[in-house]
Amino acid sequence: QPARDAMSALDGDDTGNMNAFWDARNYRPQAGNIKASVFETHCLQDDNVKPDQMSQWWALLAKYNVPRKLWLCREGHVDPFMVNRAEWVSELHQWFDYWLWNVPNDIMQQPRVNIEDTKDNWHTYADWPLPGSSSVTAYLQGVAPDAIGNLGGSSGGATDTLKWTDSPNQSETTA
């Protein structure tokens, strides 16, 4: 317990801010040095590791031609073993058989990405982001001063101006 308490005091989880603790665990700057295959899993409602962190890592793996596979689920910070156990274990075994034991199987010919599109409804895709998708610009739209606004496809809203104040040390819940 003392080690866990010490890490908890350093990790900045109370604010969600990047700090030296997380910088030391950031794999992205060394992505070009990856020599092993990577089987990444991420849950899209994870409040600990955000989807943009997963996507940035995934893009770097692609940039450096790292053999990779991705599972995206709709849960929080959980293991796919708890979400889609039979399929997860089967695919993970095929992955390890191929990469660790040189067992010839078709894991690398299968679609690269498995996504839980809706609750318990999984589909496979060629890659991530999904082929054919594109970036979309979204705008914050004010409805009233000091009120939660909207997210829309154009700028504007019911108020002329709104004020946001960055409070980098506020709690995650407050943010």
N, C-alpha and C. Protein backbone atom coordinates (compact mmCIF):
# COMPACT_ATOMS: atom_id res chain seq x y z
N GLN A 1 0.80 -1.20 0.00
CA GLN A 1 0.00 0.00 0.00
C GLN A 1 0.85 1.28 0.00
N PRO A 2 2.00 1.31 0.70
CA PRO A 2 2.81 2.55 0.67
C PRO A 2 3.26 2.93 -0.74
N ALA A 3 3.64 1.94 -1.56
CA ALA A 3 4.07 2.25 -2.93
C ALA A 3 2.91 2.82 -3.74
N ARG A 4 1.73 2.22 -3.59
CA ARG A 4 0.54 2.73 -4.31
C ARG A 4 0.22 4.14 -3.86
N ASP A 5 0.30 4.42 -2.58
CA ASP A 5 0.02 5.76 -2.07
C ASP A 5 1.03 6.76 -2.60
N ALA A 6 2.30 6.35 -2.66
CA ALA A 6 3.34 7.24 -3.18
C ALA A 6 3.10 7.57 -4.65
N MET A 7 2.75 6.55 -5.45
CA MET A 7 2.46 6.79 -6.87
C MET A 7 1.24 7.67 -7.02
N SER A 8 0.23 7.41 -6.22
CA SER A 8 -1.00 8.20 -6.30
C SER A 8 -0.73 9.66 -6.00
N ALA A 9 0.19 9.93 -5.09
CA ALA A 9 0.51 11.31 -4.76
C ALA A 9 1.24 12.02 -5.90
N LEU A 10 1.91 11.27 -6.77
CA LEU A 10 2.69 11.86 -7.86
C LEU A 10 1.96 11.93 -9.19
N ASP A 11 0.91 11.12 -9.37
CA ASP A 11 0.37 10.93 -10.71
C ASP A 11 -0.54 12.03 -11.23
N GLY A 12 -0.98 12.94 -10.39
CA GLY A 12 -1.81 14.05 -10.87
C GLY A 12 -3.22 13.66 -11.26
N ASP A 13 -3.68 12.47 -10.86
CA ASP A 13 -5.02 12.05 -11.23
C ASP A 13 -6.11 12.98 -10.70
N ASP A 14 -5.83 13.67 -9.61
CA ASP A 14 -6.85 14.55 -9.05
C ASP A 14 -7.15 15.72 -9.97
N THR A 15 -6.21 16.11 -10.84
CA THR A 15 -6.45 17.21 -11.77
C THR A 15 -6.52 16.75 -13.22
N GLY A 16 -5.96 15.58 -13.54
CA GLY A 16 -5.92 15.11 -14.92
C GLY A 16 -4.82 15.77 -15.74
N ASN A 17 -3.96 16.54 -15.11
CA ASN A 17 -2.90 17.25 -15.82
C ASN A 17 -1.71 16.34 -16.10
N MET A 18 -1.06 16.58 -17.23
CA MET A 18 0.21 15.92 -17.52
C MET A 18 1.24 16.47 -16.55
N ASN A 19 2.13 15.59 -16.12
CA ASN A 19 3.21 16.02 -15.24
C ASN A 19 4.39 15.07 -15.48
N ALA A 20 5.46 15.22 -14.69
CA ALA A 20 6.66 14.40 -14.88
C ALA A 20 6.35 12.91 -14.74
N PHE A 21 5.43 12.57 -13.85
CA PHE A 21 5.05 11.17 -13.67
C PHE A 21 4.57 10.56 -14.98
N TRP A 22 3.68 11.28 -15.68
CA TRP A 22 3.13 10.75 -16.93
C TRP A 22 4.09 10.94 -18.09
N ASP A 23 4.87 11.99 -18.08
CA ASP A 23 5.87 12.17 -19.14
C ASP A 23 6.81 10.98 -19.22
N ALA A 24 7.19 10.44 -18.06
CA ALA A 24 8.09 9.28 -18.03
C ALA A 24 7.42 8.02 -18.59
N ARG A 25 6.10 8.02 -18.68
CA ARG A 25 5.35 6.86 -19.17
C ARG A 25 4.76 7.10 -20.57
N ASN A 26 5.20 8.17 -21.22
CA ASN A 26 4.71 8.53 -22.54
C ASN A 26 5.53 7.78 -23.60
N TYR A 27 4.90 6.83 -24.27
CA TYR A 27 5.59 6.02 -25.27
C TYR A 27 5.72 6.71 -26.63
N ARG A 28 4.95 7.76 -26.86
CA ARG A 28 4.90 8.36 -28.19
C ARG A 28 6.25 8.88 -28.70
N PRO A 29 7.04 9.59 -27.89
CA PRO A 29 8.31 10.11 -28.44
C PRO A 29 9.27 9.03 -28.95
N GLN A 30 9.15 7.82 -28.44
CA GLN A 30 10.04 6.74 -28.87
C GLN A 30 9.34 5.74 -29.79
N ALA A 31 8.22 6.10 -30.37
CA ALA A 31 7.46 5.17 -31.21
C ALA A 31 8.30 4.64 -32.38
N GLY A 32 9.21 5.43 -32.89
CA GLY A 32 10.06 4.99 -33.99
C GLY A 32 11.03 3.89 -33.61
N ASN A 33 11.18 3.63 -32.34
CA ASN A 33 12.09 2.59 -31.87
C ASN A 33 11.39 1.25 -31.61
N ILE A 34 10.08 1.18 -31.82
CA ILE A 34 9.34 -0.04 -31.52
C ILE A 34 9.76 -1.13 -32.50
N LYS A 35 10.16 -2.27 -31.96
CA LYS A 35 10.59 -3.41 -32.77
C LYS A 35 9.63 -4.59 -32.66
N ALA A 36 8.69 -4.52 -31.75
CA ALA A 36 7.74 -5.62 -31.53
C ALA A 36 6.39 -5.27 -32.12
N SER A 37 5.56 -6.27 -32.31
CA SER A 37 4.19 -6.02 -32.73
C SER A 37 3.42 -5.44 -31.54
N VAL A 38 2.32 -4.75 -31.81
CA VAL A 38 1.54 -4.11 -30.75
C VAL A 38 0.07 -4.49 -30.93
N PHE A 39 -0.51 -5.04 -29.87
CA PHE A 39 -1.94 -5.32 -29.81
C PHE A 39 -2.50 -4.33 -28.80
N GLU A 40 -3.15 -3.31 -29.31
CA GLU A 40 -3.66 -2.22 -28.47
C GLU A 40 -5.14 -2.44 -28.20
N THR A 41 -5.53 -2.11 -26.99
CA THR A 41 -6.95 -2.12 -26.65
C THR A 41 -7.26 -0.83 -25.92
N HIS A 42 -8.44 -0.31 -26.20
CA HIS A 42 -8.85 0.93 -25.55
C HIS A 42 -10.37 0.93 -25.45
N CYS A 43 -10.86 1.44 -24.34
CA CYS A 43 -12.31 1.60 -24.17
C CYS A 43 -12.63 3.08 -24.30
N LEU A 44 -13.58 3.39 -25.14
CA LEU A 44 -13.84 4.77 -25.55
C LEU A 44 -14.46 5.64 -24.47
N GLN A 45 -14.95 5.03 -23.39
CA GLN A 45 -15.50 5.82 -22.28
C GLN A 45 -14.55 5.81 -21.09
N ASP A 46 -13.28 5.62 -21.37
CA ASP A 46 -12.25 5.57 -20.34
C ASP A 46 -11.98 6.99 -19.84
N ASP A 47 -12.15 7.23 -18.57
CA ASP A 47 -11.85 8.55 -17.99
C ASP A 47 -10.40 8.68 -17.57
N ASN A 48 -9.64 7.59 -17.70
CA ASN A 48 -8.25 7.62 -17.31
C ASN A 48 -7.36 7.87 -18.53
N VAL A 49 -7.52 7.08 -19.58
CA VAL A 49 -6.77 7.24 -20.81
C VAL A 49 -7.76 7.69 -21.89
N LYS A 50 -7.57 8.87 -22.38
CA LYS A 50 -8.51 9.47 -23.32
C LYS A 50 -8.32 8.91 -24.74
N PRO A 51 -9.39 8.90 -25.53
CA PRO A 51 -9.28 8.38 -26.90
C PRO A 51 -8.21 9.07 -27.75
N ASP A 52 -7.97 10.37 -27.54
CA ASP A 52 -6.94 11.02 -28.35
C ASP A 52 -5.55 10.47 -28.03
N GLN A 53 -5.33 10.03 -26.80
CA GLN A 53 -4.04 9.42 -26.47
C GLN A 53 -3.87 8.11 -27.22
N MET A 54 -4.94 7.32 -27.28
CA MET A 54 -4.91 6.07 -28.04
C MET A 54 -4.70 6.35 -29.52
N SER A 55 -5.41 7.32 -30.06
CA SER A 55 -5.33 7.62 -31.49
C SER A 55 -3.95 8.14 -31.90
N GLN A 56 -3.35 8.99 -31.06
CA GLN A 56 -2.02 9.50 -31.37
C GLN A 56 -1.00 8.36 -31.39
N TRP A 57 -1.09 7.48 -30.44
CA TRP A 57 -0.19 6.31 -30.38
C TRP A 57 -0.39 5.44 -31.61
N TRP A 58 -1.65 5.17 -31.95
CA TRP A 58 -1.99 4.33 -33.10
C TRP A 58 -1.44 4.93 -34.39
N ALA A 59 -1.56 6.24 -34.55
CA ALA A 59 -1.07 6.91 -35.76
C ALA A 59 0.46 6.79 -35.86
N LEU A 60 1.14 6.88 -34.74
CA LEU A 60 2.60 6.73 -34.77
C LEU A 60 3.00 5.30 -35.10
N LEU A 61 2.27 4.32 -34.58
CA LEU A 61 2.56 2.93 -34.92
C LEU A 61 2.41 2.73 -36.43
N ALA A 62 1.39 3.32 -37.01
CA ALA A 62 1.18 3.22 -38.46
C ALA A 62 2.32 3.92 -39.21
N LYS A 63 2.69 5.10 -38.75
CA LYS A 63 3.76 5.86 -39.39
C LYS A 63 5.06 5.04 -39.46
N TYR A 64 5.34 4.29 -38.42
CA TYR A 64 6.57 3.50 -38.37
C TYR A 64 6.38 2.05 -38.79
N ASN A 65 5.24 1.76 -39.42
CA ASN A 65 4.95 0.43 -39.96
C ASN A 65 5.08 -0.68 -38.92
N VAL A 66 4.64 -0.40 -37.71
CA VAL A 66 4.66 -1.40 -36.65
C VAL A 66 3.47 -2.34 -36.86
N PRO A 67 3.70 -3.65 -36.90
CA PRO A 67 2.56 -4.57 -37.01
C PRO A 67 1.64 -4.35 -35.81
N ARG A 68 0.34 -4.19 -36.06
CA ARG A 68 -0.54 -3.78 -34.98
C ARG A 68 -1.96 -4.28 -35.17
N LYS A 69 -2.66 -4.32 -34.07
CA LYS A 69 -4.07 -4.70 -34.04
C LYS A 69 -4.71 -3.86 -32.95
N LEU A 70 -6.01 -3.57 -33.11
CA LEU A 70 -6.69 -2.66 -32.18
C LEU A 70 -8.08 -3.18 -31.85
N TRP A 71 -8.41 -3.13 -30.57
CA TRP A 71 -9.77 -3.40 -30.08
C TRP A 71 -10.28 -2.16 -29.38
N LEU A 72 -11.45 -1.67 -29.79
CA LEU A 72 -12.09 -0.51 -29.16
C LEU A 72 -13.45 -0.94 -28.61
N CYS A 73 -13.62 -0.76 -27.32
CA CYS A 73 -14.92 -1.10 -26.72
C CYS A 73 -15.59 0.15 -26.18
N ARG A 74 -16.81 0.02 -25.73
CA ARG A 74 -17.61 1.15 -25.29
C ARG A 74 -17.61 1.32 -23.77
N GLU A 75 -16.78 0.61 -23.08
CA GLU A 75 -16.75 0.65 -21.61
C GLU A 75 -15.83 1.75 -21.12
N GLY A 76 -15.56 1.71 -19.83
CA GLY A 76 -14.58 2.60 -19.20
C GLY A 76 -13.21 1.94 -19.22
N HIS A 77 -12.47 2.10 -18.16
CA HIS A 77 -11.09 1.60 -18.05
C HIS A 77 -11.13 0.12 -17.65
N VAL A 78 -11.46 -0.76 -18.62
CA VAL A 78 -11.58 -2.19 -18.34
C VAL A 78 -10.82 -3.00 -19.39
N ASP A 79 -10.66 -4.26 -19.11
CA ASP A 79 -10.01 -5.22 -19.99
C ASP A 79 -11.07 -5.84 -20.90
N PRO A 80 -10.80 -6.01 -22.20
CA PRO A 80 -11.79 -6.65 -23.07
C PRO A 80 -12.20 -8.05 -22.60
N PHE A 81 -11.38 -8.65 -21.76
CA PHE A 81 -11.73 -9.94 -21.19
C PHE A 81 -13.07 -9.85 -20.44
N MET A 82 -13.36 -8.67 -19.90
CA MET A 82 -14.60 -8.48 -19.15
C MET A 82 -15.77 -8.07 -20.06
N VAL A 83 -15.49 -7.80 -21.32
CA VAL A 83 -16.52 -7.27 -22.22
C VAL A 83 -16.92 -8.28 -23.29
N ASN A 84 -15.93 -8.90 -23.93
CA ASN A 84 -16.19 -9.81 -25.05
C ASN A 84 -15.22 -11.00 -24.93
N ARG A 85 -15.33 -11.71 -23.83
CA ARG A 85 -14.33 -12.69 -23.39
C ARG A 85 -13.95 -13.72 -24.44
N ALA A 86 -14.89 -14.42 -25.02
CA ALA A 86 -14.56 -15.52 -25.93
C ALA A 86 -13.79 -15.02 -27.15
N GLU A 87 -14.26 -13.94 -27.77
CA GLU A 87 -13.59 -13.41 -28.96
C GLU A 87 -12.22 -12.82 -28.60
N TRP A 88 -12.16 -12.12 -27.48
CA TRP A 88 -10.91 -11.52 -27.05
C TRP A 88 -9.84 -12.59 -26.81
N VAL A 89 -10.19 -13.61 -26.06
CA VAL A 89 -9.22 -14.67 -25.76
C VAL A 89 -8.79 -15.38 -27.03
N SER A 90 -9.72 -15.65 -27.93
CA SER A 90 -9.39 -16.31 -29.18
C SER A 90 -8.40 -15.46 -30.00
N GLU A 91 -8.70 -14.20 -30.15
CA GLU A 91 -7.84 -13.33 -30.96
C GLU A 91 -6.49 -13.10 -30.30
N LEU A 92 -6.49 -12.94 -28.99
CA LEU A 92 -5.24 -12.75 -28.27
C LEU A 92 -4.34 -13.99 -28.39
N HIS A 93 -4.95 -15.17 -28.30
CA HIS A 93 -4.18 -16.40 -28.47
C HIS A 93 -3.59 -16.49 -29.87
N GLN A 94 -4.38 -16.15 -30.88
CA GLN A 94 -3.86 -16.17 -32.24
C GLN A 94 -2.69 -15.19 -32.39
N TRP A 95 -2.84 -14.01 -31.79
CA TRP A 95 -1.80 -12.99 -31.85
C TRP A 95 -0.50 -13.51 -31.23
N PHE A 96 -0.60 -14.02 -30.02
CA PHE A 96 0.60 -14.53 -29.33
C PHE A 96 1.16 -15.77 -30.02
N ASP A 97 0.29 -16.63 -30.51
CA ASP A 97 0.78 -17.80 -31.25
C ASP A 97 1.63 -17.35 -32.44
N TYR A 98 1.13 -16.37 -33.16
CA TYR A 98 1.83 -15.90 -34.36
C TYR A 98 3.14 -15.18 -34.00
N TRP A 99 3.06 -14.20 -33.08
CA TRP A 99 4.21 -13.34 -32.81
C TRP A 99 5.21 -13.93 -31.83
N LEU A 100 4.76 -14.77 -30.92
CA LEU A 100 5.71 -15.33 -29.95
C LEU A 100 6.18 -16.74 -30.30
N TRP A 101 5.33 -17.52 -30.94
CA TRP A 101 5.64 -18.92 -31.22
C TRP A 101 5.80 -19.22 -32.70
N ASN A 102 5.64 -18.20 -33.57
CA ASN A 102 5.76 -18.38 -35.02
C ASN A 102 4.80 -19.42 -35.57
N VAL A 103 3.62 -19.52 -34.96
CA VAL A 103 2.59 -20.43 -35.45
C VAL A 103 1.95 -19.79 -36.68
N PRO A 104 1.98 -20.47 -37.82
CA PRO A 104 1.36 -19.87 -39.01
C PRO A 104 -0.17 -19.88 -38.87
N ASN A 105 -0.74 -18.70 -38.80
CA ASN A 105 -2.19 -18.55 -38.78
C ASN A 105 -2.53 -17.29 -39.57
N ASP A 106 -3.77 -16.95 -39.68
CA ASP A 106 -4.16 -15.82 -40.53
C ASP A 106 -4.43 -14.52 -39.75
N ILE A 107 -3.87 -14.40 -38.54
CA ILE A 107 -4.15 -13.22 -37.73
C ILE A 107 -3.79 -11.92 -38.44
N MET A 108 -2.74 -11.92 -39.22
CA MET A 108 -2.33 -10.69 -39.90
C MET A 108 -3.11 -10.44 -41.19
N GLN A 109 -3.90 -11.40 -41.63
CA GLN A 109 -4.77 -11.18 -42.79
C GLN A 109 -6.18 -10.78 -42.35
N GLN A 110 -6.48 -10.94 -41.09
CA GLN A 110 -7.79 -10.55 -40.56
C GLN A 110 -7.88 -9.03 -40.50
N PRO A 111 -9.09 -8.47 -40.45
CA PRO A 111 -9.20 -7.02 -40.29
C PRO A 111 -8.42 -6.55 -39.07
N ARG A 112 -7.81 -5.40 -39.18
CA ARG A 112 -6.91 -4.90 -38.15
C ARG A 112 -7.66 -4.42 -36.91
N VAL A 113 -8.90 -4.01 -37.04
CA VAL A 113 -9.59 -3.34 -35.93
C VAL A 113 -10.93 -4.00 -35.62
N ASN A 114 -11.18 -4.21 -34.33
CA ASN A 114 -12.47 -4.67 -33.83
C ASN A 114 -13.07 -3.54 -32.99
N ILE A 115 -14.32 -3.18 -33.28
CA ILE A 115 -14.96 -2.08 -32.56
C ILE A 115 -16.33 -2.51 -32.07
N GLU A 116 -16.60 -2.21 -30.82
CA GLU A 116 -17.94 -2.39 -30.27
C GLU A 116 -18.75 -1.15 -30.67
N ASP A 117 -19.48 -1.26 -31.77
CA ASP A 117 -20.22 -0.11 -32.31
C ASP A 117 -21.37 0.31 -31.40
N THR A 118 -22.11 -0.65 -30.92
CA THR A 118 -23.16 -0.42 -29.93
C THR A 118 -22.99 -1.50 -28.87
N LYS A 119 -23.67 -1.38 -27.77
CA LYS A 119 -23.49 -2.31 -26.65
C LYS A 119 -23.55 -3.76 -27.12
N ASP A 120 -22.44 -4.49 -26.92
CA ASP A 120 -22.31 -5.91 -27.24
C ASP A 120 -22.45 -6.21 -28.74
N ASN A 121 -22.29 -5.23 -29.59
CA ASN A 121 -22.41 -5.39 -31.04
C ASN A 121 -21.06 -5.01 -31.67
N TRP A 122 -20.27 -6.03 -32.01
CA TRP A 122 -18.91 -5.85 -32.50
C TRP A 122 -18.82 -6.03 -34.01
N HIS A 123 -17.97 -5.22 -34.63
CA HIS A 123 -17.69 -5.35 -36.06
C HIS A 123 -16.19 -5.19 -36.30
N THR A 124 -15.72 -5.74 -37.39
CA THR A 124 -14.32 -5.60 -37.76
C THR A 124 -14.18 -4.57 -38.89
N TYR A 125 -13.05 -3.90 -38.89
CA TYR A 125 -12.76 -2.86 -39.88
C TYR A 125 -11.30 -2.97 -40.33
N ALA A 126 -11.03 -2.44 -41.49
CA ALA A 126 -9.68 -2.52 -42.05
C ALA A 126 -8.66 -1.75 -41.23
N ASP A 127 -9.06 -0.62 -40.64
CA ASP A 127 -8.10 0.20 -39.91
C ASP A 127 -8.83 1.24 -39.08
N TRP A 128 -8.05 2.05 -38.37
CA TRP A 128 -8.56 3.16 -37.56
C TRP A 128 -7.68 4.37 -37.83
N PRO A 129 -8.23 5.55 -38.06
CA PRO A 129 -9.66 5.80 -38.17
C PRO A 129 -10.26 5.00 -39.32
N LEU A 130 -11.55 4.80 -39.25
CA LEU A 130 -12.20 3.97 -40.25
C LEU A 130 -11.94 4.53 -41.65
N PRO A 131 -11.56 3.67 -42.58
CA PRO A 131 -11.32 4.13 -43.95
C PRO A 131 -12.54 4.89 -44.48
N GLY A 132 -12.28 6.03 -45.10
CA GLY A 132 -13.35 6.86 -45.64
C GLY A 132 -13.82 7.93 -44.68
N SER A 133 -13.39 7.88 -43.43
CA SER A 133 -13.81 8.92 -42.49
C SER A 133 -12.95 10.16 -42.69
N SER A 134 -13.45 11.29 -42.21
CA SER A 134 -12.71 12.54 -42.35
C SER A 134 -12.91 13.39 -41.10
N SER A 135 -12.04 14.35 -40.93
CA SER A 135 -12.14 15.26 -39.80
C SER A 135 -13.34 16.18 -39.97
N VAL A 136 -13.95 16.56 -38.86
CA VAL A 136 -15.08 17.48 -38.86
C VAL A 136 -14.78 18.57 -37.84
N THR A 137 -14.98 19.81 -38.23
CA THR A 137 -14.80 20.91 -37.31
C THR A 137 -16.07 21.08 -36.49
N ALA A 138 -15.91 21.18 -35.18
CA ALA A 138 -17.05 21.39 -34.29
C ALA A 138 -16.82 22.69 -33.53
N TYR A 139 -17.90 23.39 -33.22
CA TYR A 139 -17.84 24.69 -32.56
C TYR A 139 -18.63 24.66 -31.27
N LEU A 140 -18.09 25.36 -30.27
CA LEU A 140 -18.86 25.58 -29.05
C LEU A 140 -19.83 26.72 -29.32
N GLN A 141 -21.08 26.55 -28.98
CA GLN A 141 -22.09 27.57 -29.20
C GLN A 141 -22.68 27.97 -27.85
N GLY A 142 -22.57 29.25 -27.53
CA GLY A 142 -23.10 29.74 -26.26
C GLY A 142 -24.62 29.86 -26.31
N VAL A 143 -25.26 29.50 -25.21
CA VAL A 143 -26.71 29.66 -25.10
C VAL A 143 -27.05 30.79 -24.15
N ALA A 144 -26.23 31.00 -23.12
CA ALA A 144 -26.40 32.09 -22.16
C ALA A 144 -25.13 32.16 -21.33
N PRO A 145 -24.77 33.36 -20.88
CA PRO A 145 -23.59 33.44 -20.00
C PRO A 145 -23.77 32.51 -18.80
N ASP A 146 -22.70 31.86 -18.41
CA ASP A 146 -22.69 30.95 -17.25
C ASP A 146 -23.58 29.73 -17.41
N ALA A 147 -23.92 29.37 -18.66
CA ALA A 147 -24.74 28.17 -18.90
C ALA A 147 -23.96 27.21 -19.80
N ILE A 148 -24.28 25.95 -19.67
CA ILE A 148 -23.68 24.96 -20.55
C ILE A 148 -24.15 25.23 -21.97
N GLY A 149 -23.24 25.25 -22.91
CA GLY A 149 -23.59 25.54 -24.29
C GLY A 149 -23.83 24.29 -25.11
N ASN A 150 -23.80 24.45 -26.42
CA ASN A 150 -24.02 23.36 -27.36
C ASN A 150 -22.77 23.15 -28.19
N LEU A 151 -22.73 22.02 -28.83
CA LEU A 151 -21.69 21.71 -29.79
C LEU A 151 -22.36 21.65 -31.15
N GLY A 152 -21.87 22.43 -32.12
CA GLY A 152 -22.54 22.48 -33.40
C GLY A 152 -21.58 22.52 -34.58
N GLY A 153 -22.14 22.49 -35.76
CA GLY A 153 -21.36 22.48 -36.99
C GLY A 153 -21.00 23.86 -37.50
N SER A 154 -21.40 24.90 -36.79
CA SER A 154 -21.06 26.26 -37.19
C SER A 154 -20.85 27.09 -35.94
N SER A 155 -20.19 28.23 -36.12
CA SER A 155 -19.98 29.11 -34.98
C SER A 155 -21.26 29.88 -34.69
N GLY A 156 -21.28 30.53 -33.57
CA GLY A 156 -22.45 31.33 -33.21
C GLY A 156 -23.17 30.79 -32.01
N GLY A 157 -24.32 31.32 -31.77
CA GLY A 157 -25.10 30.93 -30.62
C GLY A 157 -25.94 32.11 -30.16
N ALA A 158 -26.60 31.96 -29.05
CA ALA A 158 -27.52 32.99 -28.56
C ALA A 158 -26.80 34.14 -27.86
N THR A 159 -25.54 34.00 -27.55
CA THR A 159 -24.81 35.08 -26.88
C THR A 159 -23.70 35.59 -27.78
N ASP A 160 -23.36 36.85 -27.61
CA ASP A 160 -22.30 37.44 -28.41
C ASP A 160 -20.93 36.97 -27.95
N THR A 161 -20.74 36.87 -26.66
CA THR A 161 -19.46 36.44 -26.13
C THR A 161 -19.67 35.53 -24.94
N LEU A 162 -18.70 34.69 -24.71
CA LEU A 162 -18.66 33.84 -23.53
C LEU A 162 -17.25 33.88 -23.00
N LYS A 163 -17.10 33.61 -21.74
CA LYS A 163 -15.78 33.63 -21.12
C LYS A 163 -15.50 32.27 -20.51
N TRP A 164 -14.35 31.72 -20.87
CA TRP A 164 -13.89 30.47 -20.26
C TRP A 164 -12.62 30.79 -19.51
N THR A 165 -12.48 30.24 -18.33
CA THR A 165 -11.28 30.42 -17.54
C THR A 165 -10.63 29.07 -17.35
N ASP A 166 -9.36 29.00 -17.73
CA ASP A 166 -8.62 27.77 -17.54
C ASP A 166 -8.19 27.68 -16.09
N SER A 167 -8.53 26.60 -15.45
CA SER A 167 -8.11 26.33 -14.08
C SER A 167 -7.36 25.02 -14.07
N PRO A 168 -6.07 25.03 -14.39
CA PRO A 168 -5.33 23.78 -14.58
C PRO A 168 -5.26 22.89 -13.34
N ASN A 169 -5.51 23.44 -12.17
CA ASN A 169 -5.44 22.61 -10.96
C ASN A 169 -6.79 22.20 -10.42
N GLN A 170 -7.85 22.45 -11.19
CA GLN A 170 -9.16 22.02 -10.72
C GLN A 170 -9.28 20.50 -10.83
N SER A 171 -10.20 19.95 -10.10
CA SER A 171 -10.37 18.51 -10.13
C SER A 171 -10.99 18.07 -11.45
N GLU A 172 -10.83 16.81 -11.76
CA GLU A 172 -11.41 16.26 -12.98
C GLU A 172 -12.93 16.40 -12.96
N THR A 173 -13.54 16.18 -11.80
CA THR A 173 -14.98 16.29 -11.67
C THR A 173 -15.45 17.72 -11.95
N THR A 174 -14.74 18.69 -11.43
CA THR A 174 -15.09 20.10 -11.66
C THR A 174 -14.94 20.46 -13.13
N ALA A 175 -13.86 19.97 -13.76
CA ALA A 175 -13.64 20.25 -15.18
C ALA A 175 -14.76 19.69 -16.00
